[in-house]
Amino acid sequence: MDPIQSSLSRIHNSLSSLGDQVNLLEQRVGANEDNVQECVARVKQLEKDNSFLMSKVDDLENRSRRSNLRFVGILESAEGSDIIGFMSRLVPQLLGPDAFPTLPIIERAHRSPTARQNSRASPRAIMIELLNFQDKVKKVKKSLEYNGKHISIYPDFSPELTRRRGSFDPVKRKLRELNMKYFLLYPCTLCIVVDGTQQRFSTNKDAEAIFMSTSNSPG
């Protein structure tokens, strides 16, 4: 075999071997792409499952808090050494004897565990758990005072639900400025009354669209 033919033969063998390697690499790349797509699909499903489970956990947490109320504005140490007895007497005093002809039964009561930065900081909230859930719905919306201090009463929602409901605060401020009626449905739906009709929104972004529609309405 002459040198040229020998060289061509070696080149042919090298190209053949290189082609086999390229084919093998293509197969591996294809397999890896399939694996990546499968992993992406699994991750998406896991994210979906995780979101569902987190929602269920948050719902269960809020159900466990349904008999709870949070009192804001009560001076530190006002409760003395018997916080349950103090709150049992304070609730009827704040909400009136018509709502509570007898003292409510409070199973648990405690100050919020959040540490105060200094003595001038706002007093920590007091959390109570009512034995009778119906007592909770007797809460009325009016100006409440104790020892000359304004007292506010709120439901005890989970941190996540509190965050979600709080996301509507900017919209609610605008609604008050426009003297528009609104209210929040449990767990987190904002209802806005427009021309006697209720419109419901599940997100702050969707609710903000109401200002565009009202500004573009005639008159």
Protein backbone atom coordinates (compact mmCIF):
# COMPACT_ATOMS: atom_id res chain seq x y z
CA MET A 1 0.00 0.00 0.00
CA ASP A 2 1.45 3.34 -1.02
CA PRO A 3 1.85 6.11 1.55
CA ILE A 4 -1.04 8.19 0.16
CA GLN A 5 -3.51 5.34 0.31
CA SER A 6 -2.29 4.45 3.77
CA SER A 7 -2.82 8.03 4.93
CA LEU A 8 -6.30 8.12 3.40
CA SER A 9 -7.15 4.87 5.13
CA ARG A 10 -6.06 6.27 8.48
CA ILE A 11 -8.07 9.44 7.87
CA HIS A 12 -11.11 7.37 6.95
CA ASN A 13 -10.76 5.31 10.11
CA SER A 14 -10.33 8.45 12.19
CA LEU A 15 -13.40 10.06 10.63
CA SER A 16 -15.38 6.89 11.16
CA SER A 17 -14.32 6.78 14.80
CA LEU A 18 -15.09 10.48 15.18
CA GLY A 19 -18.52 9.93 13.65
CA ASP A 20 -19.22 7.16 16.12
CA GLN A 21 -18.18 9.46 18.97
CA VAL A 22 -20.40 12.25 17.63
CA ASN A 23 -23.34 9.85 17.39
CA LEU A 24 -22.70 8.70 20.95
CA LEU A 25 -22.51 12.30 22.16
CA GLU A 26 -25.75 13.16 20.36
CA GLN A 27 -27.45 10.22 22.03
CA ARG A 28 -26.17 11.31 25.43
CA VAL A 29 -27.19 14.92 24.81
CA GLY A 30 -30.65 13.77 23.76
CA ALA A 31 -30.94 11.60 26.86
CA ASN A 32 -29.79 14.49 29.04
CA GLU A 33 -32.34 16.81 27.44
CA ASP A 34 -35.06 14.27 28.18
CA ASN A 35 -33.83 13.98 31.76
CA VAL A 36 -33.78 17.77 32.13
CA GLN A 37 -37.33 18.06 30.81
CA GLU A 38 -38.43 15.32 33.18
CA CYS A 39 -36.72 17.10 36.10
CA VAL A 40 -38.32 20.42 35.13
CA ALA A 41 -41.74 18.75 35.01
CA ARG A 42 -41.13 17.15 38.41
CA VAL A 43 -40.00 20.47 39.92
CA LYS A 44 -43.11 22.21 38.59
CA GLN A 45 -45.31 19.48 40.06
CA LEU A 46 -43.47 19.67 43.39
CA GLU A 47 -43.89 23.46 43.44
CA LYS A 48 -47.59 23.02 42.72
CA ASP A 49 -47.93 20.38 45.45
CA ASN A 50 -45.96 22.54 47.89
CA SER A 51 -48.16 25.56 47.17
CA PHE A 52 -51.28 23.45 47.73
CA LEU A 53 -49.95 22.00 50.99
CA MET A 54 -48.86 25.44 52.24
CA SER A 55 -52.34 26.74 51.50
CA LYS A 56 -53.91 23.85 53.40
CA VAL A 57 -51.57 24.35 56.37
CA ASP A 58 -52.36 28.07 56.45
CA ASP A 59 -56.09 27.31 56.29
CA LEU A 60 -55.78 24.85 59.18
CA GLU A 61 -53.76 27.37 61.19
CA ASN A 62 -56.43 30.04 60.71
CA ARG A 63 -59.17 27.59 61.63
CA SER A 64 -57.30 26.86 64.85
CA ARG A 65 -57.20 30.62 65.55
CA ARG A 66 -60.87 31.27 64.81
CA SER A 67 -61.76 31.70 68.49
CA ASN A 68 -58.88 34.12 69.05
CA LEU A 69 -58.93 37.91 69.28
CA ARG A 70 -56.03 40.35 69.41
CA PHE A 71 -56.33 43.48 71.59
CA VAL A 72 -54.04 46.39 70.73
CA GLY A 73 -53.47 49.45 72.91
CA ILE A 74 -53.77 48.03 76.45
CA LEU A 75 -50.97 49.47 78.56
CA GLU A 76 -48.22 47.12 79.67
CA SER A 77 -48.79 45.51 83.08
CA ALA A 78 -52.42 46.73 83.20
CA GLU A 79 -53.46 43.09 83.46
CA GLY A 80 -51.50 42.50 86.66
CA SER A 81 -50.82 38.89 87.59
CA ASP A 82 -54.17 37.51 86.37
CA ILE A 83 -54.43 38.25 82.66
CA ILE A 84 -57.37 35.88 82.09
CA GLY A 85 -59.43 37.45 84.86
CA PHE A 86 -58.46 40.92 83.66
CA MET A 87 -59.55 40.22 80.08
CA SER A 88 -62.76 38.48 81.20
CA ARG A 89 -63.79 41.72 82.90
CA LEU A 90 -62.41 44.03 80.21
CA VAL A 91 -64.20 42.46 77.22
CA PRO A 92 -67.74 43.22 78.54
CA GLN A 93 -66.53 46.64 79.69
CA LEU A 94 -65.33 47.46 76.18
CA LEU A 95 -68.16 45.90 74.18
CA GLY A 96 -71.02 46.56 76.56
CA PRO A 97 -73.31 44.50 78.82
CA ASP A 98 -75.80 43.92 76.00
CA ALA A 99 -73.20 41.90 74.09
CA PHE A 100 -71.91 40.20 77.25
CA PRO A 101 -74.54 39.97 80.02
CA THR A 102 -72.22 37.43 81.69
CA LEU A 103 -68.45 37.25 81.76
CA PRO A 104 -67.03 35.45 78.72
CA ILE A 105 -65.03 32.29 79.35
CA ILE A 106 -61.46 32.82 78.20
CA GLU A 107 -59.37 29.67 77.87
CA ARG A 108 -56.02 31.34 77.21
CA ALA A 109 -54.60 34.84 77.29
CA HIS A 110 -51.10 36.20 76.89
CA ARG A 111 -49.13 39.18 75.71
CA SER A 112 -47.49 39.01 72.30
CA PRO A 113 -44.01 37.50 72.76
CA THR A 114 -42.46 40.27 70.66
CA ALA A 115 -39.82 42.07 72.70
CA ARG A 116 -40.25 45.82 73.26
CA GLN A 117 -37.33 47.98 72.15
CA ASN A 118 -37.72 50.41 75.07
CA SER A 119 -40.24 51.71 77.60
CA ARG A 120 -41.61 54.19 75.04
CA ALA A 121 -42.50 51.46 72.57
CA SER A 122 -46.15 50.65 71.96
CA PRO A 123 -47.61 48.11 74.37
CA ARG A 124 -47.61 44.54 73.15
CA ALA A 125 -50.88 43.11 71.91
CA ILE A 126 -52.89 40.79 74.15
CA MET A 127 -54.15 37.58 72.55
CA ILE A 128 -57.15 35.75 73.98
CA GLU A 129 -58.88 32.49 73.09
CA LEU A 130 -62.61 32.40 73.79
CA LEU A 131 -64.22 29.12 74.81
CA ASN A 132 -67.45 29.99 73.01
CA PHE A 133 -66.77 30.96 69.41
CA GLN A 134 -70.08 32.82 69.27
CA ASP A 135 -68.67 35.30 71.78
CA LYS A 136 -66.19 36.37 69.15
CA VAL A 137 -68.84 37.45 66.66
CA LYS A 138 -70.31 39.81 69.26
CA LYS A 139 -67.41 42.16 68.62
CA VAL A 140 -68.85 45.48 67.48
CA LYS A 141 -67.25 48.19 65.39
CA LYS A 142 -67.12 51.33 67.46
CA SER A 143 -64.62 53.53 69.23
CA LEU A 144 -63.27 51.56 72.20
CA GLU A 145 -61.40 53.10 75.12
CA TYR A 146 -59.85 51.87 78.34
CA ASN A 147 -58.33 54.27 80.87
CA GLY A 148 -58.37 57.01 78.25
CA LYS A 149 -56.47 54.92 75.69
CA HIS A 150 -57.87 53.83 72.33
CA ILE A 151 -58.22 50.06 72.09
CA SER A 152 -58.44 48.13 68.82
CA ILE A 153 -59.66 44.54 68.45
CA TYR A 154 -58.63 42.35 65.54
CA PRO A 155 -59.04 38.73 64.50
CA ASP A 156 -55.95 36.61 65.12
CA PHE A 157 -54.96 35.56 61.60
CA SER A 158 -51.85 33.64 60.60
CA PRO A 159 -48.83 35.73 59.49
CA GLU A 160 -49.35 34.67 55.86
CA LEU A 161 -53.03 35.60 55.82
CA THR A 162 -52.26 38.86 57.64
CA ARG A 163 -49.72 39.67 54.92
CA ARG A 164 -52.19 38.87 52.14
CA ARG A 165 -54.98 40.93 53.70
CA GLY A 166 -52.53 43.76 54.36
CA SER A 167 -51.65 43.90 50.67
CA PHE A 168 -55.04 45.59 50.15
CA ASP A 169 -54.18 48.48 52.49
CA PRO A 170 -53.08 50.91 49.72
CA VAL A 171 -56.32 50.28 47.83
CA LYS A 172 -58.40 50.66 50.99
CA ARG A 173 -56.79 54.05 51.68
CA LYS A 174 -57.73 55.25 48.20
CA LEU A 175 -61.26 53.93 48.63
CA ARG A 176 -61.66 55.89 51.87
CA GLU A 177 -60.38 59.02 50.15
CA LEU A 178 -63.00 58.52 47.43
CA ASN A 179 -65.68 57.73 50.03
CA MET A 180 -66.32 54.35 48.40
CA LYS A 181 -67.75 51.47 50.41
CA TYR A 182 -65.71 48.28 50.76
CA PHE A 183 -65.20 45.31 53.04
CA LEU A 184 -62.96 42.25 53.28
CA LEU A 185 -64.42 38.77 53.03
CA TYR A 186 -62.69 35.86 54.73
CA PRO A 187 -60.12 34.75 53.99
CA CYS A 188 -58.86 37.41 51.60
CA THR A 189 -61.32 38.88 49.09
CA LEU A 190 -61.87 42.63 48.81
CA CYS A 191 -65.44 43.64 47.99
CA ILE A 192 -65.96 47.13 46.58
CA VAL A 193 -69.43 48.60 46.12
CA VAL A 194 -69.74 50.48 42.84
CA ASP A 195 -73.13 51.97 41.91
CA GLY A 196 -74.84 49.58 44.29
CA THR A 197 -73.10 46.52 42.85
CA GLN A 198 -70.44 44.49 44.65
CA GLN A 199 -67.23 43.77 42.79
CA ARG A 200 -64.84 41.21 44.26
CA PHE A 201 -61.06 41.12 43.95
CA SER A 202 -58.59 38.49 45.10
CA THR A 203 -55.42 40.56 44.54
CA ASN A 204 -54.34 44.12 45.15
CA LYS A 205 -53.40 44.54 41.49
CA ASP A 206 -56.85 43.52 40.28
CA ALA A 207 -58.51 45.82 42.82
CA GLU A 208 -56.51 48.84 41.65
CA ALA A 209 -58.23 48.54 38.26
CA ILE A 210 -61.40 49.84 39.94
CA PHE A 211 -59.89 53.33 40.03
CA MET A 212 -59.36 53.28 36.28
CA SER A 213 -62.96 52.24 35.64
CA THR A 214 -64.40 54.84 38.01
CA SER A 215 -62.20 57.63 36.62
CA ASN A 216 -63.30 56.76 33.07
CA SER A 217 -66.98 56.55 33.94
CA PRO A 218 -69.18 59.45 32.75
CA GLY A 219 -70.09 62.14 35.21
